[in-house]
C-alpha atoms as a PDB file:
ATOM      1  CA  UNK A   1     -10.325   0.816  12.488  1.00  0.00           C
ATOM      2  CA  UNK A   2      -8.046  -0.327   9.698  1.00  0.00           C
ATOM      3  CA  UNK A   3      -9.309   2.461   7.424  1.00  0.00           C
ATOM      4  CA  UNK A   4      -8.712   4.981  10.205  1.00  0.00           C
ATOM      5  CA  UNK A   5      -5.122   3.789  10.590  1.00  0.00           C
ATOM      6  CA  UNK A   6      -4.613   3.936   6.821  1.00  0.00           C
ATOM      7  CA  UNK A   7      -5.997   7.464   6.625  1.00  0.00           C
ATOM      8  CA  UNK A   8      -3.969   8.577   9.598  1.00  0.00           C
ATOM      9  CA  UNK A   9      -0.836   7.419   7.846  1.00  0.00           C
ATOM     10  CA  UNK A  10      -1.857   9.436   4.809  1.00  0.00           C
ATOM     11  CA  UNK A  11      -1.488  12.628   6.742  1.00  0.00           C
ATOM     12  CA  UNK A  12       2.173  11.691   7.267  1.00  0.00           C
ATOM     13  CA  UNK A  13       2.704  11.421   3.492  1.00  0.00           C
ATOM     14  CA  UNK A  14       2.072  15.036   2.676  1.00  0.00           C
ATOM     15  CA  UNK A  15       4.964  17.440   3.336  1.00  0.00           C
ATOM     16  CA  UNK A  16       6.419  16.197   6.612  1.00  0.00           C
ATOM     17  CA  UNK A  17       8.092  19.466   7.664  1.00  0.00           C
ATOM     18  CA  UNK A  18       4.798  21.009   8.710  1.00  0.00           C
ATOM     19  CA  UNK A  19       3.361  17.828  10.171  1.00  0.00           C
ATOM     20  CA  UNK A  20       2.906  19.329  13.661  1.00  0.00           C
ATOM     21  CA  UNK A  21       0.418  21.917  12.352  1.00  0.00           C
ATOM     22  CA  UNK A  22      -1.758  19.578  10.293  1.00  0.00           C
ATOM     23  CA  UNK A  23      -5.396  19.318  11.395  1.00  0.00           C
ATOM     24  CA  UNK A  24      -7.878  16.614  10.431  1.00  0.00           C
ATOM     25  CA  UNK A  25     -11.021  17.943   8.797  1.00  0.00           C
ATOM     26  CA  UNK A  26     -12.703  14.553   8.610  1.00  0.00           C
ATOM     27  CA  UNK A  27     -12.566  10.999   7.317  1.00  0.00           C
ATOM     28  CA  UNK A  28     -14.896  10.011   4.480  1.00  0.00           C
ATOM     29  CA  UNK A  29     -14.685   6.387   3.374  1.00  0.00           C
ATOM     30  CA  UNK A  30     -11.104   5.812   2.340  1.00  0.00           C
ATOM     31  CA  UNK A  31     -10.557   9.580   1.964  1.00  0.00           C
ATOM     32  CA  UNK A  32      -9.331  12.067   4.508  1.00  0.00           C
ATOM     33  CA  UNK A  33      -9.398  15.851   4.552  1.00  0.00           C
ATOM     34  CA  UNK A  34      -6.682  17.926   6.261  1.00  0.00           C
ATOM     35  CA  UNK A  35      -5.743  21.606   6.875  1.00  0.00           C
ATOM     36  CA  UNK A  36      -2.257  22.940   7.322  1.00  0.00           C
ATOM     37  CA  UNK A  37      -2.693  26.578   8.433  1.00  0.00           C
ATOM     38  CA  UNK A  38       1.001  27.357   8.458  1.00  0.00           C
ATOM     39  CA  UNK A  39       1.395  26.974   4.671  1.00  0.00           C
ATOM     40  CA  UNK A  40      -1.711  27.561   4.405  1.00  0.00           C
ATOM     41  CA  UNK A  41      -3.248  24.730   2.489  1.00  0.00           C
ATOM     42  CA  UNK A  42      -5.997  22.093   2.694  1.00  0.00           C
ATOM     43  CA  UNK A  43      -6.240  18.811   0.852  1.00  0.00           C
ATOM     44  CA  UNK A  44      -8.259  15.640   0.371  1.00  0.00           C
ATOM     45  CA  UNK A  45      -6.132  12.496   0.142  1.00  0.00           C
ATOM     46  CA  UNK A  46      -6.411   8.726  -0.244  1.00  0.00           C
ATOM     47  CA  UNK A  47      -4.032   5.799  -0.641  1.00  0.00           C
ATOM     48  CA  UNK A  48      -4.363   3.569  -3.669  1.00  0.00           C
ATOM     49  CA  UNK A  49      -5.946   0.174  -3.160  1.00  0.00           C
ATOM     50  CA  UNK A  50      -3.473  -2.467  -1.839  1.00  0.00           C
ATOM     51  CA  UNK A  51      -1.500  -4.462  -4.374  1.00  0.00           C
ATOM     52  CA  UNK A  52       0.789  -7.492  -4.168  1.00  0.00           C
ATOM     53  CA  UNK A  53       2.858  -6.062  -7.055  1.00  0.00           C
ATOM     54  CA  UNK A  54       6.162  -4.304  -6.629  1.00  0.00           C
ATOM     55  CA  UNK A  55       5.964  -0.665  -5.527  1.00  0.00           C
ATOM     56  CA  UNK A  56       8.731   1.923  -5.549  1.00  0.00           C
ATOM     57  CA  UNK A  57       6.546   4.488  -3.701  1.00  0.00           C
ATOM     58  CA  UNK A  58       3.390   4.501  -1.601  1.00  0.00           C
ATOM     59  CA  UNK A  59       0.785   5.736  -4.118  1.00  0.00           C
ATOM     60  CA  UNK A  60      -1.782   8.375  -3.237  1.00  0.00           C
ATOM     61  CA  UNK A  61      -4.163  10.786  -4.810  1.00  0.00           C
ATOM     62  CA  UNK A  62      -4.495  14.329  -3.403  1.00  0.00           C
ATOM     63  CA  UNK A  63      -6.641  17.324  -4.324  1.00  0.00           C
ATOM     64  CA  UNK A  64      -5.129  20.448  -2.791  1.00  0.00           C
ATOM     65  CA  UNK A  65      -6.059  24.094  -2.201  1.00  0.00           C
ATOM     66  CA  UNK A  66      -3.568  26.879  -1.530  1.00  0.00           C
ATOM     67  CA  UNK A  67      -5.589  30.023  -0.771  1.00  0.00           C
ATOM     68  CA  UNK A  68      -2.623  32.430  -0.890  1.00  0.00           C
ATOM     69  CA  UNK A  69      -1.714  31.211  -4.358  1.00  0.00           C
ATOM     70  CA  UNK A  70      -5.316  31.268  -5.575  1.00  0.00           C
ATOM     71  CA  UNK A  71      -5.088  27.564  -6.319  1.00  0.00           C
ATOM     72  CA  UNK A  72      -8.169  25.414  -5.713  1.00  0.00           C
ATOM     73  CA  UNK A  73      -8.805  21.708  -6.261  1.00  0.00           C
ATOM     74  CA  UNK A  74      -5.375  20.900  -7.762  1.00  0.00           C
ATOM     75  CA  UNK A  75      -5.136  17.172  -8.532  1.00  0.00           C
ATOM     76  CA  UNK A  76      -1.912  15.309  -7.954  1.00  0.00           C
ATOM     77  CA  UNK A  77      -1.066  11.593  -7.977  1.00  0.00           C
ATOM     78  CA  UNK A  78       1.949   9.921  -6.397  1.00  0.00           C
ATOM     79  CA  UNK A  79       2.409   6.756  -8.474  1.00  0.00           C
ATOM     80  CA  UNK A  80       3.490   3.349  -7.176  1.00  0.00           C
ATOM     81  CA  UNK A  81       6.426   3.160  -9.535  1.00  0.00           C
ATOM     82  CA  UNK A  82       9.023   5.361 -11.147  1.00  0.00           C
ATOM     83  CA  UNK A  83       7.895   6.242 -14.645  1.00  0.00           C
ATOM     84  CA  UNK A  84       9.673   5.292 -17.865  1.00  0.00           C
ATOM     85  CA  UNK A  85      11.064   8.216 -19.878  1.00  0.00           C
ATOM     86  CA  UNK A  86       8.276   9.811 -21.946  1.00  0.00           C
ATOM     87  CA  UNK A  87       5.681   7.379 -20.403  1.00  0.00           C
ATOM     88  CA  UNK A  88       2.107   7.753 -21.482  1.00  0.00           C
ATOM     89  CA  UNK A  89       0.113   8.131 -18.265  1.00  0.00           C
ATOM     90  CA  UNK A  90      -3.611   7.380 -18.562  1.00  0.00           C
ATOM     91  CA  UNK A  91      -6.353   8.008 -15.973  1.00  0.00           C
ATOM     92  CA  UNK A  92      -9.548   5.988 -16.321  1.00  0.00           C
ATOM     93  CA  UNK A  93     -12.362   7.442 -14.268  1.00  0.00           C
ATOM     94  CA  UNK A  94     -15.884   6.333 -14.883  1.00  0.00           C
ATOM     95  CA  UNK A  95     -16.338   6.155 -18.652  1.00  0.00           C
ATOM     96  CA  UNK A  96     -13.604   8.788 -19.333  1.00  0.00           C
ATOM     97  CA  UNK A  97      -9.972   8.437 -20.229  1.00  0.00           C
ATOM     98  CA  UNK A  98      -7.606  11.277 -19.779  1.00  0.00           C
ATOM     99  CA  UNK A  99      -3.923  11.548 -20.479  1.00  0.00           C
ATOM    100  CA  UNK A 100      -1.848  12.959 -17.588  1.00  0.00           C
ATOM    101  CA  UNK A 101       1.592  14.501 -17.530  1.00  0.00           C
ATOM    102  CA  UNK A 102       4.340  13.668 -15.042  1.00  0.00           C
ATOM    103  CA  UNK A 103       7.730  12.323 -14.312  1.00  0.00           C
ATOM    104  CA  UNK A 104       9.636  10.343 -11.694  1.00  0.00           C
ATOM    105  CA  UNK A 105       6.825   9.033  -9.536  1.00  0.00           C
ATOM    106  CA  UNK A 106       4.310  11.869  -9.924  1.00  0.00           C
ATOM    107  CA  UNK A 107       1.454  12.725 -12.311  1.00  0.00           C
ATOM    108  CA  UNK A 108      -0.826  15.733 -12.801  1.00  0.00           C
ATOM    109  CA  UNK A 109      -3.570  16.816 -15.199  1.00  0.00           C
ATOM    110  CA  UNK A 110      -2.231  18.358 -18.394  1.00  0.00           C
ATOM    111  CA  UNK A 111      -4.423  21.455 -18.215  1.00  0.00           C
ATOM    112  CA  UNK A 112      -6.871  23.346 -15.974  1.00  0.00           C
ATOM    113  CA  UNK A 113      -9.725  21.911 -18.026  1.00  0.00           C
ATOM    114  CA  UNK A 114      -8.490  18.335 -17.399  1.00  0.00           C
ATOM    115  CA  UNK A 115      -8.058  19.146 -13.707  1.00  0.00           C
ATOM    116  CA  UNK A 116     -11.699  20.347 -13.539  1.00  0.00           C
ATOM    117  CA  UNK A 117     -12.889  17.321 -15.486  1.00  0.00           C
ATOM    118  CA  UNK A 118     -11.090  14.913 -13.115  1.00  0.00           C
ATOM    119  CA  UNK A 119     -12.478  16.629 -10.011  1.00  0.00           C
ATOM    120  CA  UNK A 120     -15.998  16.546 -11.458  1.00  0.00           C
ATOM    121  CA  UNK A 121     -15.752  12.895 -12.469  1.00  0.00           C
ATOM    122  CA  UNK A 122     -14.431  11.871  -9.057  1.00  0.00           C
ATOM    123  CA  UNK A 123     -17.727  13.076  -7.592  1.00  0.00           C
ATOM    124  CA  UNK A 124     -19.814  10.520  -9.468  1.00  0.00           C
ATOM    125  CA  UNK A 125     -17.508   7.584 -10.426  1.00  0.00           C
ATOM    126  CA  UNK A 126     -16.959   4.546  -8.205  1.00  0.00           C
ATOM    127  CA  UNK A 127     -13.219   4.050  -9.025  1.00  0.00           C
ATOM    128  CA  UNK A 128     -10.356   5.510 -10.918  1.00  0.00           C
ATOM    129  CA  UNK A 129      -7.229   3.830 -12.182  1.00  0.00           C
ATOM    130  CA  UNK A 130      -3.942   5.414 -13.327  1.00  0.00           C
ATOM    131  CA  UNK A 131      -1.849   3.313 -15.686  1.00  0.00           C
ATOM    132  CA  UNK A 132       1.586   3.740 -17.308  1.00  0.00           C
ATOM    133  CA  UNK A 133       4.887   1.975 -17.911  1.00  0.00           C
ATOM    134  CA  UNK A 134       7.594   1.973 -15.260  1.00  0.00           C
ATOM    135  CA  UNK A 135      11.314   2.560 -15.728  1.00  0.00           C
ATOM    136  CA  UNK A 136      11.745  -1.149 -16.447  1.00  0.00           C
ATOM    137  CA  UNK A 137       9.177  -0.959 -19.299  1.00  0.00           C
ATOM    138  CA  UNK A 138       6.542  -2.885 -17.356  1.00  0.00           C
ATOM    139  CA  UNK A 139       2.885  -1.759 -17.248  1.00  0.00           C
ATOM    140  CA  UNK A 140       1.383  -0.895 -13.864  1.00  0.00           C
ATOM    141  CA  UNK A 141      -1.793   0.630 -12.458  1.00  0.00           C
ATOM    142  CA  UNK A 142      -2.953   2.222  -9.246  1.00  0.00           C
ATOM    143  CA  UNK A 143      -6.641   2.047  -8.363  1.00  0.00           C
ATOM    144  CA  UNK A 144      -8.660   4.228  -5.987  1.00  0.00           C
ATOM    145  CA  UNK A 145     -12.187   3.840  -4.644  1.00  0.00           C
ATOM    146  CA  UNK A 146     -14.050   7.107  -4.889  1.00  0.00           C
ATOM    147  CA  UNK A 147     -16.980   6.961  -2.427  1.00  0.00           C
ATOM    148  CA  UNK A 148     -16.099   9.674   0.117  1.00  0.00           C
ATOM    149  CA  UNK A 149     -13.878  11.632  -2.309  1.00  0.00           C
ATOM    150  CA  UNK A 150     -16.483  14.370  -2.902  1.00  0.00           C
ATOM    151  CA  UNK A 151     -17.050  14.895   0.793  1.00  0.00           C
ATOM    152  CA  UNK A 152     -13.328  15.022   1.480  1.00  0.00           C
ATOM    153  CA  UNK A 153     -12.761  17.509  -1.401  1.00  0.00           C
ATOM    154  CA  UNK A 154     -15.601  19.718  -0.098  1.00  0.00           C
ATOM    155  CA  UNK A 155     -14.233  19.552   3.465  1.00  0.00           C
ATOM    156  CA  UNK A 156     -10.833  20.606   2.209  1.00  0.00           C
ATOM    157  CA  UNK A 157     -12.319  23.602   0.267  1.00  0.00           C
ATOM    158  CA  UNK A 158     -14.398  24.704   3.209  1.00  0.00           C
ATOM    159  CA  UNK A 159     -11.430  24.216   5.596  1.00  0.00           C
ATOM    160  CA  UNK A 160      -9.357  26.683   3.593  1.00  0.00           C
ATOM    161  CA  UNK A 161     -12.170  29.186   2.960  1.00  0.00           C
ATOM    162  CA  UNK A 162     -11.040  31.318   5.925  1.00  0.00           C
ATOM    163  CA  UNK A 163      -7.247  30.816   5.474  1.00  0.00           C
ATOM    164  CA  UNK A 164      -5.586  33.665   3.529  1.00  0.00           C
END
């Protein structure tokens, strides 16, 4: 029940103006899949694991599809802290390390190839952690558990297959 409440609150994190139109496509472990037919878009989303450390933002990972834009499986991270200027943002997923780009409290893959590599690695890894330095110069990391991520990503892709 706690996981359901956490996932339900995730749906409130993504673009509040169209919240009334959002539909749940399913809950998979700590991941949820949602469709917003007004935009249209679909996405898989999960909150980072809880932390007792200071947070400027509620961190989450989302993989979105926008059929009208021709965009599928776009990875985005909302980080727990505001980034330092020119921060190096590193994603550890399985045995891979990838450098991300970003600013403020957000991070993205640096290229389409990195985006595809992250999505593929999320399907087989158990956890992923994003680390960087915050605007105070302190290191921080946000960790996500990945069981359920592949099912949520697939549900989001299927959920938008008919939206154009």
